[in-house]
Amino acid sequence: MLLEAEDLRVHYGAVAALQGVSFRLRAGEFLMILGRNGAGKSTLLKALCGQVPLKTGRISFAGKEIGRLPPWRRTKLGLSLVPEGRRVFAPLSVRENLELGAFSRPRGLEERLKDVLSLFPELVPKLDLPAGALSGGEQQMLAVARALMSEPKLLLLDEPSMGLAPKVVARIYQTLAALKGKMSLLVVEQNLSQGLSLADRLLFLDSGRLVREFSGGDVSLKQVEELYLGAQ
């Protein structure tokens, strides 16, 4: 088992964002996290990456307890996050953004850069442009490419389709389909039309709790929509 999360609880002051979430993720698995706004999805990713502290709980990654490690050490072990809203370094060039993604894996940078750009050839002619000059879709490609520069075992993506045109969303998921099986993928998503066809399993969060789990091949769009509408 690549990732094991047990009884994860995160509080923001008096507000309980996660209330005892437990799940496992296998090597090479594509796991999708669903839930309404405020359900705790982004908090879960941040907890796994060390960006928010756990009140209680345990996180094991590749057999190592990581629940108290700082984010940079988790990245070095093989966790990489594509955050919501992309968060590229706008004043820096596309190339510099990608190089920063390799801070934990400096060796073989040029070869890795070549491999990552083969997934996103759209970025090649824009390597010397400021990242802030890219379109929203291009910035999302850059955010994914930057995360891949650390050679992750587990790639976490927070709302990768948010605010993007359907054509661009399809392009992002084309890349995720190519990555499936080569690494584990954990995706928080609201756009169900793309993710349902790729996910091996789906977890549904509600009010910080894991309330349902589906196998990717056994769930319909209607079943998931009923959960969003509150029909348990």
C-alpha atoms as a PDB file:
ATOM      1  CA  MET A   1       0.000   0.000   0.000  1.00  0.00           C
ATOM      2  CA  LEU A   2       1.515   3.337  -1.040  1.00  0.00           C
ATOM      3  CA  LEU A   3      -0.536   5.672   1.168  1.00  0.00           C
ATOM      4  CA  GLU A   4      -2.459   4.999   4.377  1.00  0.00           C
ATOM      5  CA  ALA A   5      -4.399   7.713   6.170  1.00  0.00           C
ATOM      6  CA  GLU A   6      -5.970   6.891   9.526  1.00  0.00           C
ATOM      7  CA  ASP A   7      -8.416   9.022  11.536  1.00  0.00           C
ATOM      8  CA  LEU A   8      -7.284  12.354  10.051  1.00  0.00           C
ATOM      9  CA  ARG A   9      -8.680  15.326  11.944  1.00  0.00           C
ATOM     10  CA  VAL A  10      -7.938  18.953  11.084  1.00  0.00           C
ATOM     11  CA  HIS A  11      -9.391  21.995  12.843  1.00  0.00           C
ATOM     12  CA  TYR A  12      -9.362  25.646  11.820  1.00  0.00           C
ATOM     13  CA  GLY A  13      -9.916  27.192  15.217  1.00  0.00           C
ATOM     14  CA  ALA A  14     -13.239  25.833  16.434  1.00  0.00           C
ATOM     15  CA  VAL A  15     -14.213  24.556  12.978  1.00  0.00           C
ATOM     16  CA  ALA A  16     -13.615  20.858  12.309  1.00  0.00           C
ATOM     17  CA  ALA A  17     -12.580  20.597   8.634  1.00  0.00           C
ATOM     18  CA  LEU A  18     -11.738  16.877   8.741  1.00  0.00           C
ATOM     19  CA  GLN A  19     -13.442  14.565  11.197  1.00  0.00           C
ATOM     20  CA  GLY A  20     -11.769  11.170  11.255  1.00  0.00           C
ATOM     21  CA  VAL A  21     -11.034  10.489   7.575  1.00  0.00           C
ATOM     22  CA  SER A  22      -9.391   7.130   6.836  1.00  0.00           C
ATOM     23  CA  PHE A  23      -8.521   5.582   3.467  1.00  0.00           C
ATOM     24  CA  ARG A  24      -5.799   3.741   1.562  1.00  0.00           C
ATOM     25  CA  LEU A  25      -4.303   4.188  -1.885  1.00  0.00           C
ATOM     26  CA  ARG A  26      -2.414   1.566  -3.852  1.00  0.00           C
ATOM     27  CA  ALA A  27       0.622   2.144  -6.052  1.00  0.00           C
ATOM     28  CA  GLY A  28      -0.533   3.083  -9.546  1.00  0.00           C
ATOM     29  CA  GLU A  29      -4.131   3.746  -8.473  1.00  0.00           C
ATOM     30  CA  PHE A  30      -6.256   6.696  -9.646  1.00  0.00           C
ATOM     31  CA  LEU A  31      -8.380   7.873  -6.703  1.00  0.00           C
ATOM     32  CA  MET A  32     -10.894  10.696  -7.022  1.00  0.00           C
ATOM     33  CA  ILE A  33     -12.203  12.730  -4.076  1.00  0.00           C
ATOM     34  CA  LEU A  34     -15.685  14.186  -4.495  1.00  0.00           C
ATOM     35  CA  GLY A  35     -17.854  16.402  -2.330  1.00  0.00           C
ATOM     36  CA  ARG A  36     -19.723  19.664  -2.130  1.00  0.00           C
ATOM     37  CA  ASN A  37     -17.969  22.970  -1.477  1.00  0.00           C
ATOM     38  CA  GLY A  38     -16.672  23.074   2.086  1.00  0.00           C
ATOM     39  CA  ALA A  39     -16.697  19.285   2.460  1.00  0.00           C
ATOM     40  CA  GLY A  40     -12.985  19.185   3.354  1.00  0.00           C
ATOM     41  CA  LYS A  41     -11.516  18.025   0.043  1.00  0.00           C
ATOM     42  CA  SER A  42      -8.783  20.653  -0.274  1.00  0.00           C
ATOM     43  CA  THR A  43      -8.007  20.365   3.434  1.00  0.00           C
ATOM     44  CA  LEU A  44      -7.442  16.644   2.970  1.00  0.00           C
ATOM     45  CA  LEU A  45      -4.845  17.253   0.243  1.00  0.00           C
ATOM     46  CA  LYS A  46      -3.147  19.935   2.321  1.00  0.00           C
ATOM     47  CA  ALA A  47      -3.008  17.587   5.311  1.00  0.00           C
ATOM     48  CA  LEU A  48      -1.410  14.859   3.216  1.00  0.00           C
ATOM     49  CA  CYS A  49       1.212  17.310   1.943  1.00  0.00           C
ATOM     50  CA  GLY A  50       1.880  18.872   5.349  1.00  0.00           C
ATOM     51  CA  GLN A  51       0.452  22.303   4.585  1.00  0.00           C
ATOM     52  CA  VAL A  52      -1.983  22.130   7.499  1.00  0.00           C
ATOM     53  CA  PRO A  53      -1.267  20.372  10.824  1.00  0.00           C
ATOM     54  CA  LEU A  54      -3.158  17.320  11.999  1.00  0.00           C
ATOM     55  CA  LYS A  55      -5.055  17.530  15.250  1.00  0.00           C
ATOM     56  CA  THR A  56      -5.003  13.736  15.371  1.00  0.00           C
ATOM     57  CA  GLY A  57      -4.326  10.952  12.929  1.00  0.00           C
ATOM     58  CA  ARG A  58      -1.600   9.085  11.113  1.00  0.00           C
ATOM     59  CA  ILE A  59      -0.269   9.248   7.545  1.00  0.00           C
ATOM     60  CA  SER A  60       1.994   6.536   6.171  1.00  0.00           C
ATOM     61  CA  PHE A  61       3.627   6.873   2.748  1.00  0.00           C
ATOM     62  CA  ALA A  62       5.642   4.052   1.169  1.00  0.00           C
ATOM     63  CA  GLY A  63       5.881   2.449   4.613  1.00  0.00           C
ATOM     64  CA  LYS A  64       7.143   5.604   6.354  1.00  0.00           C
ATOM     65  CA  GLU A  65       5.233   7.663   8.913  1.00  0.00           C
ATOM     66  CA  ILE A  66       5.087  11.212   7.488  1.00  0.00           C
ATOM     67  CA  GLY A  67       2.365  12.894   9.533  1.00  0.00           C
ATOM     68  CA  ARG A  68       4.793  15.201  11.304  1.00  0.00           C
ATOM     69  CA  LEU A  69       7.241  15.818   8.442  1.00  0.00           C
ATOM     70  CA  PRO A  70       7.478  19.287   6.845  1.00  0.00           C
ATOM     71  CA  PRO A  71       6.152  19.680   3.284  1.00  0.00           C
ATOM     72  CA  TRP A  72       9.581  19.745   1.609  1.00  0.00           C
ATOM     73  CA  ARG A  73      10.500  16.369   3.090  1.00  0.00           C
ATOM     74  CA  ARG A  74       7.246  14.849   1.875  1.00  0.00           C
ATOM     75  CA  THR A  75       8.006  16.190  -1.597  1.00  0.00           C
ATOM     76  CA  LYS A  76      11.413  14.579  -1.450  1.00  0.00           C
ATOM     77  CA  LEU A  77       9.786  11.255  -0.541  1.00  0.00           C
ATOM     78  CA  GLY A  78       7.545  11.457  -3.592  1.00  0.00           C
ATOM     79  CA  LEU A  79       4.391  13.508  -2.891  1.00  0.00           C
ATOM     80  CA  SER A  80       3.712  16.424  -5.224  1.00  0.00           C
ATOM     81  CA  LEU A  81       0.698  18.754  -5.191  1.00  0.00           C
ATOM     82  CA  VAL A  82      -0.882  20.745  -8.022  1.00  0.00           C
ATOM     83  CA  PRO A  83      -2.758  23.339  -5.949  1.00  0.00           C
ATOM     84  CA  GLU A  84      -6.158  24.817  -6.640  1.00  0.00           C
ATOM     85  CA  GLY A  85      -5.859  27.964  -8.733  1.00  0.00           C
ATOM     86  CA  ARG A  86      -2.536  26.829 -10.279  1.00  0.00           C
ATOM     87  CA  ARG A  87      -0.345  29.277  -8.302  1.00  0.00           C
ATOM     88  CA  VAL A  88       2.453  29.545 -10.809  1.00  0.00           C
ATOM     89  CA  PHE A  89       5.220  32.057 -10.086  1.00  0.00           C
ATOM     90  CA  ALA A  90       3.953  34.721 -12.474  1.00  0.00           C
ATOM     91  CA  PRO A  91       7.089  36.917 -12.765  1.00  0.00           C
ATOM     92  CA  LEU A  92       9.367  33.939 -13.413  1.00  0.00           C
ATOM     93  CA  SER A  93       9.748  32.313 -16.794  1.00  0.00           C
ATOM     94  CA  VAL A  94       8.080  29.031 -17.660  1.00  0.00           C
ATOM     95  CA  ARG A  95      11.502  27.370 -17.586  1.00  0.00           C
ATOM     96  CA  GLU A  96      12.289  28.798 -14.150  1.00  0.00           C
ATOM     97  CA  ASN A  97       8.949  27.548 -12.814  1.00  0.00           C
ATOM     98  CA  LEU A  98       9.786  24.066 -14.057  1.00  0.00           C
ATOM     99  CA  GLU A  99      13.283  24.176 -12.600  1.00  0.00           C
ATOM    100  CA  LEU A 100      11.853  25.164  -9.216  1.00  0.00           C
ATOM    101  CA  GLY A 101       9.681  22.060  -9.368  1.00  0.00           C
ATOM    102  CA  ALA A 102      12.869  19.976  -9.425  1.00  0.00           C
ATOM    103  CA  PHE A 103      14.365  21.460  -6.251  1.00  0.00           C
ATOM    104  CA  SER A 104      14.136  18.089  -4.468  1.00  0.00           C
ATOM    105  CA  ARG A 105      15.559  16.184  -7.471  1.00  0.00           C
ATOM    106  CA  PRO A 106      18.298  18.384  -8.979  1.00  0.00           C
ATOM    107  CA  ARG A 107      20.171  15.581 -10.735  1.00  0.00           C
ATOM    108  CA  GLY A 108      19.228  14.886 -14.324  1.00  0.00           C
ATOM    109  CA  LEU A 109      17.218  18.083 -14.559  1.00  0.00           C
ATOM    110  CA  GLU A 110      17.600  18.627 -18.316  1.00  0.00           C
ATOM    111  CA  GLU A 111      16.580  15.080 -19.186  1.00  0.00           C
ATOM    112  CA  ARG A 112      13.572  15.319 -16.884  1.00  0.00           C
ATOM    113  CA  LEU A 113      12.655  18.676 -18.390  1.00  0.00           C
ATOM    114  CA  LYS A 114      12.667  17.071 -21.813  1.00  0.00           C
ATOM    115  CA  ASP A 115      10.432  14.226 -20.624  1.00  0.00           C
ATOM    116  CA  VAL A 116       7.935  16.545 -18.939  1.00  0.00           C
ATOM    117  CA  LEU A 117       7.745  18.873 -21.934  1.00  0.00           C
ATOM    118  CA  SER A 118       6.974  15.873 -24.140  1.00  0.00           C
ATOM    119  CA  LEU A 119       3.689  15.670 -22.214  1.00  0.00           C
ATOM    120  CA  PHE A 120       3.014  19.374 -22.711  1.00  0.00           C
ATOM    121  CA  PRO A 121       4.573  20.410 -26.042  1.00  0.00           C
ATOM    122  CA  GLU A 122       2.412  23.546 -25.933  1.00  0.00           C
ATOM    123  CA  LEU A 123       4.836  24.959 -23.352  1.00  0.00           C
ATOM    124  CA  VAL A 124       7.994  24.491 -25.432  1.00  0.00           C
ATOM    125  CA  PRO A 125       7.750  27.734 -27.467  1.00  0.00           C
ATOM    126  CA  LYS A 126       6.905  29.664 -24.295  1.00  0.00           C
ATOM    127  CA  LEU A 127       9.769  28.558 -22.054  1.00  0.00           C
ATOM    128  CA  ASP A 128      11.272  32.040 -21.874  1.00  0.00           C
ATOM    129  CA  LEU A 129       7.989  33.887 -21.330  1.00  0.00           C
ATOM    130  CA  PRO A 130       6.822  34.951 -17.862  1.00  0.00           C
ATOM    131  CA  ALA A 131       4.394  32.394 -16.487  1.00  0.00           C
ATOM    132  CA  GLY A 132       1.925  35.202 -15.844  1.00  0.00           C
ATOM    133  CA  ALA A 133       1.674  35.813 -19.600  1.00  0.00           C
ATOM    134  CA  LEU A 134       0.221  32.349 -20.235  1.00  0.00           C
ATOM    135  CA  SER A 135      -3.475  31.631 -20.642  1.00  0.00           C
ATOM    136  CA  GLY A 136      -5.329  29.927 -17.801  1.00  0.00           C
ATOM    137  CA  GLY A 137      -5.129  26.587 -19.560  1.00  0.00           C
ATOM    138  CA  GLU A 138      -1.426  26.958 -20.216  1.00  0.00           C
ATOM    139  CA  GLN A 139      -0.850  27.888 -16.575  1.00  0.00           C
ATOM    140  CA  GLN A 140      -2.631  24.717 -15.502  1.00  0.00           C
ATOM    141  CA  MET A 141      -0.427  22.686 -17.822  1.00  0.00           C
ATOM    142  CA  LEU A 142       2.581  24.435 -16.294  1.00  0.00           C
ATOM    143  CA  ALA A 143       1.377  23.694 -12.761  1.00  0.00           C
ATOM    144  CA  VAL A 144       1.047  19.994 -13.569  1.00  0.00           C
ATOM    145  CA  ALA A 145       4.389  19.952 -15.388  1.00  0.00           C
ATOM    146  CA  ARG A 146       6.098  21.705 -12.466  1.00  0.00           C
ATOM    147  CA  ALA A 147       4.758  19.068 -10.047  1.00  0.00           C
ATOM    148  CA  LEU A 148       6.007  16.282 -12.316  1.00  0.00           C
ATOM    149  CA  MET A 149       9.533  17.713 -12.229  1.00  0.00           C
ATOM    150  CA  SER A 150       9.960  16.258  -8.726  1.00  0.00           C
ATOM    151  CA  GLU A 151       9.374  12.719 -10.070  1.00  0.00           C
ATOM    152  CA  PRO A 152       6.466  12.001  -7.720  1.00  0.00           C
ATOM    153  CA  LYS A 153       5.226   8.596  -6.724  1.00  0.00           C
ATOM    154  CA  LEU A 154       1.916  10.241  -5.861  1.00  0.00           C
ATOM    155  CA  LEU A 155       0.576  13.268  -7.737  1.00  0.00           C
ATOM    156  CA  LEU A 156      -2.204  15.171  -5.972  1.00  0.00           C
ATOM    157  CA  LEU A 157      -4.347  17.595  -7.968  1.00  0.00           C
ATOM    158  CA  ASP A 158      -6.814  20.050  -6.450  1.00  0.00           C
ATOM    159  CA  GLU A 159      -9.619  20.971  -8.880  1.00  0.00           C
ATOM    160  CA  PRO A 160      -7.499  20.726 -12.052  1.00  0.00           C
ATOM    161  CA  SER A 161     -10.436  21.656 -14.305  1.00  0.00           C
ATOM    162  CA  MET A 162     -11.595  24.726 -12.379  1.00  0.00           C
ATOM    163  CA  GLY A 163     -12.239  27.735 -14.586  1.00  0.00           C
ATOM    164  CA  LEU A 164     -11.027  26.076 -17.773  1.00  0.00           C
ATOM    165  CA  ALA A 165     -12.714  25.626 -21.136  1.00  0.00           C
ATOM    166  CA  PRO A 166     -13.924  22.092 -21.935  1.00  0.00           C
ATOM    167  CA  LYS A 167     -11.242  21.686 -24.613  1.00  0.00           C
ATOM    168  CA  VAL A 168      -8.494  22.491 -22.103  1.00  0.00           C
ATOM    169  CA  VAL A 169     -10.025  20.208 -19.461  1.00  0.00           C
ATOM    170  CA  ALA A 170      -9.986  17.372 -21.973  1.00  0.00           C
ATOM    171  CA  ARG A 171      -6.320  18.134 -22.680  1.00  0.00           C
ATOM    172  CA  ILE A 172      -5.413  17.990 -18.968  1.00  0.00           C
ATOM    173  CA  TYR A 173      -7.211  14.686 -18.516  1.00  0.00           C
ATOM    174  CA  GLN A 174      -5.536  13.311 -21.624  1.00  0.00           C
ATOM    175  CA  THR A 175      -2.253  13.815 -19.790  1.00  0.00           C
ATOM    176  CA  LEU A 176      -3.600  12.245 -16.583  1.00  0.00           C
ATOM    177  CA  ALA A 177      -4.698   9.231 -18.615  1.00  0.00           C
ATOM    178  CA  ALA A 178      -1.132   8.920 -19.951  1.00  0.00           C
ATOM    179  CA  LEU A 179       0.235   9.104 -16.393  1.00  0.00           C
ATOM    180  CA  LYS A 180      -2.207   6.557 -14.966  1.00  0.00           C
ATOM    181  CA  GLY A 181      -0.369   3.430 -13.896  1.00  0.00           C
ATOM    182  CA  LYS A 182       3.017   5.139 -13.986  1.00  0.00           C
ATOM    183  CA  MET A 183       2.329   6.840 -10.661  1.00  0.00           C
ATOM    184  CA  SER A 184      -0.540   7.121  -8.215  1.00  0.00           C
ATOM    185  CA  LEU A 185      -3.016   9.947  -8.779  1.00  0.00           C
ATOM    186  CA  LEU A 186      -5.269  11.528  -6.164  1.00  0.00           C
ATOM    187  CA  VAL A 187      -7.606  14.099  -7.699  1.00  0.00           C
ATOM    188  CA  VAL A 188     -10.092  16.428  -6.040  1.00  0.00           C
ATOM    189  CA  GLU A 189     -12.610  17.320  -8.717  1.00  0.00           C
ATOM    190  CA  GLN A 190     -16.036  18.753  -9.428  1.00  0.00           C
ATOM    191  CA  ASN A 191     -15.971  17.998 -13.168  1.00  0.00           C
ATOM    192  CA  LEU A 192     -17.317  14.471 -13.169  1.00  0.00           C
ATOM    193  CA  SER A 193     -17.571  13.886 -16.917  1.00  0.00           C
ATOM    194  CA  GLN A 194     -13.793  13.516 -17.271  1.00  0.00           C
ATOM    195  CA  GLY A 195     -12.835  11.865 -14.004  1.00  0.00           C
ATOM    196  CA  LEU A 196     -15.425   9.095 -13.834  1.00  0.00           C
ATOM    197  CA  SER A 197     -13.983   7.382 -16.893  1.00  0.00           C
ATOM    198  CA  LEU A 198     -10.473   7.264 -15.406  1.00  0.00           C
ATOM    199  CA  ALA A 199     -10.878   6.767 -11.661  1.00  0.00           C
ATOM    200  CA  ASP A 200     -10.327   3.334 -10.122  1.00  0.00           C
ATOM    201  CA  ARG A 201     -12.153   4.428  -6.962  1.00  0.00           C
ATOM    202  CA  LEU A 202     -14.132   7.455  -5.806  1.00  0.00           C
ATOM    203  CA  LEU A 203     -14.505   8.729  -2.244  1.00  0.00           C
ATOM    204  CA  PHE A 204     -17.280  11.145  -1.289  1.00  0.00           C
ATOM    205  CA  LEU A 205     -16.651  13.584   1.565  1.00  0.00           C
ATOM    206  CA  ASP A 206     -19.397  15.440   3.396  1.00  0.00           C
ATOM    207  CA  SER A 207     -18.806  17.831   6.305  1.00  0.00           C
ATOM    208  CA  GLY A 208     -15.287  16.509   6.811  1.00  0.00           C
ATOM    209  CA  ARG A 209     -16.325  12.851   6.881  1.00  0.00           C
ATOM    210  CA  LEU A 210     -15.916  10.078   4.353  1.00  0.00           C
ATOM    211  CA  VAL A 211     -19.490   8.969   3.694  1.00  0.00           C
ATOM    212  CA  ARG A 212     -19.360   6.820   0.551  1.00  0.00           C
ATOM    213  CA  GLU A 213     -16.875   4.872  -1.538  1.00  0.00           C
ATOM    214  CA  PHE A 214     -17.397   3.670  -5.086  1.00  0.00           C
ATOM    215  CA  SER A 215     -15.452   1.510  -7.482  1.00  0.00           C
ATOM    216  CA  GLY A 216     -14.850   3.496 -10.658  1.00  0.00           C
ATOM    217  CA  GLY A 217     -16.500   0.906 -12.870  1.00  0.00           C
ATOM    218  CA  ASP A 218     -19.575   0.525 -10.645  1.00  0.00           C
ATOM    219  CA  VAL A 219     -20.796   4.108 -10.296  1.00  0.00           C
ATOM    220  CA  SER A 220     -22.974   6.187 -12.559  1.00  0.00           C
ATOM    221  CA  LEU A 221     -23.095   9.939 -12.972  1.00  0.00           C
ATOM    222  CA  LYS A 222     -26.657   9.843 -11.626  1.00  0.00           C
ATOM    223  CA  GLN A 223     -25.549   8.174  -8.365  1.00  0.00           C
ATOM    224  CA  VAL A 224     -22.898  10.824  -7.777  1.00  0.00           C
ATOM    225  CA  GLU A 225     -25.301  13.652  -8.610  1.00  0.00           C
ATOM    226  CA  GLU A 226     -27.749  12.269  -6.033  1.00  0.00           C
ATOM    227  CA  LEU A 227     -25.037  12.496  -3.389  1.00  0.00           C
ATOM    228  CA  TYR A 228     -24.375  16.110  -4.318  1.00  0.00           C
ATOM    229  CA  LEU A 229     -28.087  16.812  -3.944  1.00  0.00           C
ATOM    230  CA  GLY A 230     -28.128  15.158  -0.527  1.00  0.00           C
ATOM    231  CA  ALA A 231     -29.779  11.865  -1.417  1.00  0.00           C
ATOM    232  CA  GLN A 232     -27.664   9.387   0.547  1.00  0.00           C
END
